């Protein structure tokens, strides 16, 4: 099975994929409370949003048709160490990665050379 190494293109964060943040993610990174790009919760206080996220399957959408607000101009994540679980699960070279790259006009990520 080929191995891939992330080249930090940021395609997965540029709005080509839907990125969700759940209660557990917000507990780890409170800045996510300010990142719901759809502005579905803009009339709510952060405490009301926290209570809402306690409901099963409730989430914030932090990227979708717009880039994630935590994506820097250098294509790096400004909250990388506390990013949502869905971001942690993203694997370089997997189908979602390759689709995101294609959507932003990048070539397919090639497998890493064998060691």
N, C-alpha and C. Protein backbone atom coordinates (compact mmCIF):
# COMPACT_ATOMS: atom_id res chain seq x y z
N UNK A 1 0.84 -1.18 0.00
CA UNK A 1 0.00 0.00 0.00
C UNK A 1 0.89 1.24 0.00
N UNK A 2 0.65 2.18 -0.91
CA UNK A 2 1.51 3.38 -0.97
C UNK A 2 1.32 4.26 0.26
N UNK A 3 2.38 4.95 0.61
CA UNK A 3 2.35 5.91 1.71
C UNK A 3 2.44 7.30 1.11
N UNK A 4 1.79 8.24 1.77
CA UNK A 4 1.78 9.62 1.30
C UNK A 4 2.25 10.52 2.43
N UNK A 5 2.86 11.62 2.05
CA UNK A 5 3.28 12.61 3.02
C UNK A 5 2.59 13.92 2.67
N UNK A 6 1.93 14.52 3.63
CA UNK A 6 1.22 15.77 3.41
C UNK A 6 2.20 16.84 2.94
N UNK A 7 1.82 17.57 1.89
CA UNK A 7 2.69 18.64 1.40
C UNK A 7 2.19 20.02 1.85
N UNK A 8 1.23 20.04 2.77
CA UNK A 8 0.71 21.27 3.38
C UNK A 8 0.14 22.23 2.35
N UNK A 9 -0.59 21.68 1.38
CA UNK A 9 -1.20 22.51 0.34
C UNK A 9 -2.42 23.27 0.87
N UNK A 10 -3.07 22.74 1.90
CA UNK A 10 -4.24 23.39 2.48
C UNK A 10 -5.53 23.14 1.71
N UNK A 11 -5.49 22.30 0.69
CA UNK A 11 -6.69 22.06 -0.12
C UNK A 11 -7.85 21.54 0.72
N UNK A 12 -7.58 20.73 1.71
CA UNK A 12 -8.63 20.15 2.54
C UNK A 12 -9.32 21.21 3.40
N UNK A 13 -8.71 22.36 3.57
CA UNK A 13 -9.23 23.43 4.43
C UNK A 13 -9.78 24.61 3.65
N UNK A 14 -9.65 24.57 2.33
CA UNK A 14 -10.03 25.72 1.51
C UNK A 14 -11.50 25.78 1.13
N UNK A 15 -12.32 24.97 1.76
CA UNK A 15 -13.75 25.02 1.50
C UNK A 15 -14.23 23.98 0.52
N UNK A 16 -13.36 23.07 0.13
CA UNK A 16 -13.77 22.01 -0.79
C UNK A 16 -14.42 20.85 -0.05
N UNK A 17 -14.16 20.72 1.24
CA UNK A 17 -14.74 19.68 2.07
C UNK A 17 -15.54 20.33 3.20
N UNK A 18 -16.56 19.65 3.67
CA UNK A 18 -17.30 20.13 4.83
C UNK A 18 -16.52 19.69 6.06
N UNK A 19 -16.21 20.65 6.92
CA UNK A 19 -15.46 20.36 8.14
C UNK A 19 -16.36 20.68 9.33
N UNK A 20 -16.65 19.67 10.12
CA UNK A 20 -17.54 19.80 11.27
C UNK A 20 -16.75 19.79 12.57
N UNK A 21 -17.27 20.54 13.55
CA UNK A 21 -16.69 20.53 14.89
C UNK A 21 -17.80 20.19 15.88
N UNK A 22 -17.52 19.23 16.73
CA UNK A 22 -18.49 18.76 17.72
C UNK A 22 -18.10 19.23 19.12
N UNK A 23 -18.95 18.89 20.09
CA UNK A 23 -18.74 19.32 21.47
C UNK A 23 -17.33 18.96 21.96
N UNK A 24 -16.89 17.76 21.72
CA UNK A 24 -15.56 17.34 22.16
C UNK A 24 -14.47 18.22 21.56
N UNK A 25 -14.64 18.58 20.29
CA UNK A 25 -13.67 19.45 19.63
C UNK A 25 -13.63 20.83 20.29
N UNK A 26 -14.81 21.36 20.63
CA UNK A 26 -14.90 22.68 21.26
C UNK A 26 -14.31 22.65 22.67
N UNK A 27 -14.48 21.55 23.36
CA UNK A 27 -13.87 21.44 24.70
C UNK A 27 -12.35 21.53 24.59
N UNK A 28 -11.79 20.96 23.54
CA UNK A 28 -10.35 20.99 23.33
C UNK A 28 -9.88 22.33 22.77
N UNK A 29 -10.71 22.94 21.90
CA UNK A 29 -10.33 24.21 21.27
C UNK A 29 -11.52 25.17 21.29
N UNK A 30 -11.63 25.99 22.33
CA UNK A 30 -12.75 26.93 22.46
C UNK A 30 -12.87 27.94 21.31
N UNK A 31 -11.79 28.23 20.59
CA UNK A 31 -11.88 29.17 19.47
C UNK A 31 -12.85 28.68 18.39
N UNK A 32 -13.13 27.40 18.36
CA UNK A 32 -14.07 26.86 17.38
C UNK A 32 -15.46 27.46 17.55
N UNK A 33 -15.78 27.93 18.74
CA UNK A 33 -17.09 28.55 18.99
C UNK A 33 -17.31 29.79 18.12
N UNK A 34 -16.25 30.38 17.64
CA UNK A 34 -16.35 31.60 16.82
C UNK A 34 -16.23 31.29 15.34
N UNK A 35 -16.22 30.03 14.96
CA UNK A 35 -15.86 29.67 13.59
C UNK A 35 -16.98 29.12 12.73
N UNK A 36 -18.22 29.14 13.16
CA UNK A 36 -19.30 28.58 12.35
C UNK A 36 -19.55 29.48 11.15
N UNK A 37 -19.00 29.11 10.00
CA UNK A 37 -19.04 29.98 8.83
C UNK A 37 -20.46 30.23 8.33
N UNK A 38 -21.38 29.32 8.60
CA UNK A 38 -22.76 29.48 8.13
C UNK A 38 -23.51 30.52 8.95
N UNK A 39 -22.92 30.94 10.04
CA UNK A 39 -23.50 31.96 10.93
C UNK A 39 -24.87 31.54 11.45
N UNK A 40 -25.06 30.23 11.60
CA UNK A 40 -26.34 29.73 12.12
C UNK A 40 -26.53 30.09 13.59
N UNK A 41 -25.42 30.36 14.27
CA UNK A 41 -25.50 30.59 15.71
C UNK A 41 -25.09 32.01 16.10
N UNK A 42 -25.05 32.93 15.14
CA UNK A 42 -24.52 34.26 15.44
C UNK A 42 -25.35 35.03 16.47
N UNK A 43 -26.62 34.68 16.63
CA UNK A 43 -27.44 35.36 17.63
C UNK A 43 -27.34 34.71 19.00
N UNK A 44 -26.57 33.63 19.12
CA UNK A 44 -26.43 32.91 20.38
C UNK A 44 -25.16 33.32 21.11
N UNK A 45 -25.20 33.25 22.42
CA UNK A 45 -23.99 33.46 23.20
C UNK A 45 -23.14 32.20 23.11
N UNK A 46 -21.88 32.32 23.49
CA UNK A 46 -21.02 31.12 23.45
C UNK A 46 -21.56 30.05 24.39
N UNK A 47 -22.14 30.45 25.50
CA UNK A 47 -22.70 29.46 26.43
C UNK A 47 -23.90 28.75 25.81
N UNK A 48 -24.74 29.48 25.07
CA UNK A 48 -25.88 28.86 24.38
C UNK A 48 -25.39 27.90 23.29
N UNK A 49 -24.34 28.28 22.60
CA UNK A 49 -23.78 27.38 21.58
C UNK A 49 -23.24 26.12 22.24
N UNK A 50 -22.54 26.28 23.36
CA UNK A 50 -22.04 25.10 24.08
C UNK A 50 -23.19 24.16 24.47
N UNK A 51 -24.27 24.72 25.00
CA UNK A 51 -25.42 23.89 25.39
C UNK A 51 -26.02 23.20 24.16
N UNK A 52 -26.10 23.93 23.05
CA UNK A 52 -26.63 23.34 21.82
C UNK A 52 -25.76 22.15 21.38
N UNK A 53 -24.46 22.30 21.48
CA UNK A 53 -23.55 21.23 21.05
C UNK A 53 -23.64 19.98 21.93
N UNK A 54 -24.25 20.10 23.10
CA UNK A 54 -24.44 18.93 23.96
C UNK A 54 -25.47 17.97 23.38
N UNK A 55 -26.29 18.46 22.44
CA UNK A 55 -27.28 17.60 21.81
C UNK A 55 -26.58 16.62 20.86
N UNK A 56 -27.11 15.43 20.79
CA UNK A 56 -26.52 14.41 19.92
C UNK A 56 -26.51 14.90 18.46
N UNK A 57 -25.40 14.73 17.80
CA UNK A 57 -25.19 15.08 16.40
C UNK A 57 -25.17 16.58 16.10
N UNK A 58 -25.24 17.43 17.11
CA UNK A 58 -25.13 18.87 16.87
C UNK A 58 -23.67 19.21 16.60
N UNK A 59 -23.46 20.08 15.64
CA UNK A 59 -22.09 20.46 15.31
C UNK A 59 -22.04 21.86 14.72
N UNK A 60 -20.85 22.39 14.65
CA UNK A 60 -20.56 23.63 13.95
C UNK A 60 -19.94 23.24 12.62
N UNK A 61 -20.26 23.96 11.58
CA UNK A 61 -19.60 23.75 10.29
C UNK A 61 -18.56 24.85 10.19
N UNK A 62 -17.28 24.47 10.19
CA UNK A 62 -16.22 25.48 10.18
C UNK A 62 -15.59 25.66 8.80
N UNK A 63 -15.94 24.81 7.86
CA UNK A 63 -15.51 24.98 6.47
C UNK A 63 -16.53 24.26 5.60
N UNK A 64 -16.71 24.75 4.43
CA UNK A 64 -17.67 24.16 3.50
C UNK A 64 -17.47 24.83 2.16
N UNK A 65 -18.34 25.77 1.86
CA UNK A 65 -18.14 26.51 0.61
C UNK A 65 -17.17 27.67 0.80
N UNK A 66 -16.73 27.88 2.02
CA UNK A 66 -15.73 28.90 2.35
C UNK A 66 -14.58 28.22 3.09
N UNK A 67 -13.39 28.77 3.00
CA UNK A 67 -12.25 28.19 3.72
C UNK A 67 -12.43 28.26 5.24
N UNK A 68 -11.77 27.38 5.91
CA UNK A 68 -11.74 27.38 7.37
C UNK A 68 -11.06 28.66 7.84
N UNK A 69 -11.62 29.30 8.84
CA UNK A 69 -11.03 30.56 9.31
C UNK A 69 -9.68 30.36 9.98
N UNK A 70 -9.31 29.13 10.29
CA UNK A 70 -8.03 28.85 10.93
C UNK A 70 -6.92 28.52 9.94
N UNK A 71 -7.25 28.55 8.64
CA UNK A 71 -6.25 28.32 7.60
C UNK A 71 -5.49 29.61 7.36
N UNK A 72 -4.19 29.58 7.58
CA UNK A 72 -3.36 30.76 7.40
C UNK A 72 -3.01 31.00 5.94
N UNK A 73 -2.48 32.17 5.67
CA UNK A 73 -2.05 32.49 4.30
C UNK A 73 -0.92 31.59 3.84
N UNK A 74 -0.24 30.95 4.81
CA UNK A 74 0.83 30.01 4.50
C UNK A 74 0.30 28.59 4.29
N UNK A 75 -1.02 28.44 4.24
CA UNK A 75 -1.72 27.15 4.09
C UNK A 75 -1.54 26.23 5.29
N UNK A 76 -1.15 26.77 6.42
CA UNK A 76 -1.01 25.98 7.64
C UNK A 76 -2.15 26.30 8.60
N UNK A 77 -2.52 25.33 9.40
CA UNK A 77 -3.60 25.47 10.38
C UNK A 77 -3.09 26.19 11.61
N UNK A 78 -3.78 27.27 11.99
CA UNK A 78 -3.35 28.04 13.16
C UNK A 78 -3.73 27.36 14.48
N UNK A 79 -4.56 26.32 14.43
CA UNK A 79 -4.92 25.57 15.65
C UNK A 79 -4.56 24.09 15.47
N UNK A 80 -3.50 23.82 14.75
CA UNK A 80 -3.15 22.45 14.36
C UNK A 80 -3.15 21.48 15.55
N UNK A 81 -2.55 21.87 16.66
CA UNK A 81 -2.43 20.92 17.79
C UNK A 81 -3.77 20.65 18.46
N UNK A 82 -4.77 21.49 18.24
CA UNK A 82 -6.09 21.30 18.86
C UNK A 82 -7.20 21.27 17.81
N UNK A 83 -6.86 20.96 16.58
CA UNK A 83 -7.84 20.95 15.49
C UNK A 83 -8.91 19.88 15.74
N UNK A 84 -10.07 20.03 15.08
CA UNK A 84 -11.16 19.05 15.27
C UNK A 84 -10.76 17.63 14.87
N UNK A 85 -11.45 16.67 15.45
CA UNK A 85 -11.16 15.26 15.17
C UNK A 85 -11.27 14.93 13.69
N UNK A 86 -12.22 15.54 13.00
CA UNK A 86 -12.38 15.26 11.56
C UNK A 86 -11.11 15.66 10.81
N UNK A 87 -10.45 16.70 11.27
CA UNK A 87 -9.20 17.14 10.64
C UNK A 87 -8.05 16.18 10.99
N UNK A 88 -8.05 15.71 12.23
CA UNK A 88 -7.03 14.75 12.65
C UNK A 88 -7.15 13.48 11.81
N UNK A 89 -8.37 13.09 11.50
CA UNK A 89 -8.60 11.85 10.74
C UNK A 89 -8.25 11.97 9.26
N UNK A 90 -8.13 13.18 8.76
CA UNK A 90 -7.80 13.38 7.34
C UNK A 90 -6.42 12.78 7.06
N UNK A 91 -6.34 11.97 6.04
CA UNK A 91 -5.09 11.30 5.70
C UNK A 91 -4.55 11.81 4.37
N UNK A 92 -3.30 12.19 4.35
CA UNK A 92 -2.66 12.62 3.11
C UNK A 92 -2.78 11.50 2.08
N UNK A 93 -3.21 11.87 0.89
CA UNK A 93 -3.29 10.92 -0.22
C UNK A 93 -4.56 10.12 -0.29
N UNK A 94 -5.44 10.22 0.73
CA UNK A 94 -6.68 9.44 0.66
C UNK A 94 -7.63 10.08 -0.36
N UNK A 95 -8.78 9.45 -0.56
CA UNK A 95 -9.72 9.91 -1.58
C UNK A 95 -10.15 11.36 -1.36
N UNK A 96 -10.44 11.73 -0.11
CA UNK A 96 -10.84 13.11 0.18
C UNK A 96 -9.72 14.09 -0.13
N UNK A 97 -8.51 13.73 0.23
CA UNK A 97 -7.34 14.57 -0.05
C UNK A 97 -7.21 14.80 -1.54
N UNK A 98 -7.27 13.74 -2.30
CA UNK A 98 -7.09 13.85 -3.75
C UNK A 98 -8.22 14.65 -4.38
N UNK A 99 -9.45 14.48 -3.89
CA UNK A 99 -10.58 15.24 -4.41
C UNK A 99 -10.43 16.72 -4.09
N UNK A 100 -9.99 17.04 -2.88
CA UNK A 100 -9.79 18.43 -2.48
C UNK A 100 -8.71 19.08 -3.33
N UNK A 101 -7.64 18.36 -3.56
CA UNK A 101 -6.55 18.88 -4.40
C UNK A 101 -7.06 19.16 -5.81
N UNK A 102 -7.82 18.23 -6.37
CA UNK A 102 -8.35 18.40 -7.72
C UNK A 102 -9.27 19.62 -7.77
N UNK A 103 -10.10 19.80 -6.74
CA UNK A 103 -11.06 20.92 -6.72
C UNK A 103 -10.38 22.28 -6.72
N UNK A 104 -9.16 22.36 -6.18
CA UNK A 104 -8.44 23.64 -6.16
C UNK A 104 -7.39 23.72 -7.26
N UNK A 105 -7.39 22.75 -8.16
CA UNK A 105 -6.50 22.81 -9.32
C UNK A 105 -5.10 22.28 -9.09
N UNK A 106 -4.92 21.48 -8.05
CA UNK A 106 -3.60 20.89 -7.79
C UNK A 106 -3.51 19.49 -8.37
N UNK A 107 -2.32 19.09 -8.71
CA UNK A 107 -2.09 17.72 -9.18
C UNK A 107 -2.31 16.75 -8.04
N UNK A 108 -2.57 15.51 -8.39
CA UNK A 108 -2.73 14.46 -7.40
C UNK A 108 -1.46 14.35 -6.55
N UNK A 109 -1.63 14.13 -5.27
CA UNK A 109 -0.48 13.95 -4.37
C UNK A 109 0.17 12.61 -4.69
N UNK A 110 1.43 12.62 -5.04
CA UNK A 110 2.09 11.35 -5.37
C UNK A 110 2.51 10.60 -4.11
N UNK A 111 2.63 9.28 -4.22
CA UNK A 111 3.14 8.51 -3.08
C UNK A 111 4.55 8.95 -2.71
N UNK A 112 4.88 8.82 -1.44
CA UNK A 112 6.24 9.13 -0.98
C UNK A 112 7.21 8.11 -1.54
N UNK A 113 8.43 8.53 -1.85
CA UNK A 113 9.42 7.55 -2.31
C UNK A 113 9.68 6.52 -1.20
N UNK A 114 9.94 5.31 -1.60
CA UNK A 114 10.22 4.25 -0.63
C UNK A 114 11.50 4.56 0.11
N UNK A 115 11.50 4.22 1.39
CA UNK A 115 12.71 4.46 2.21
C UNK A 115 13.72 3.37 2.03
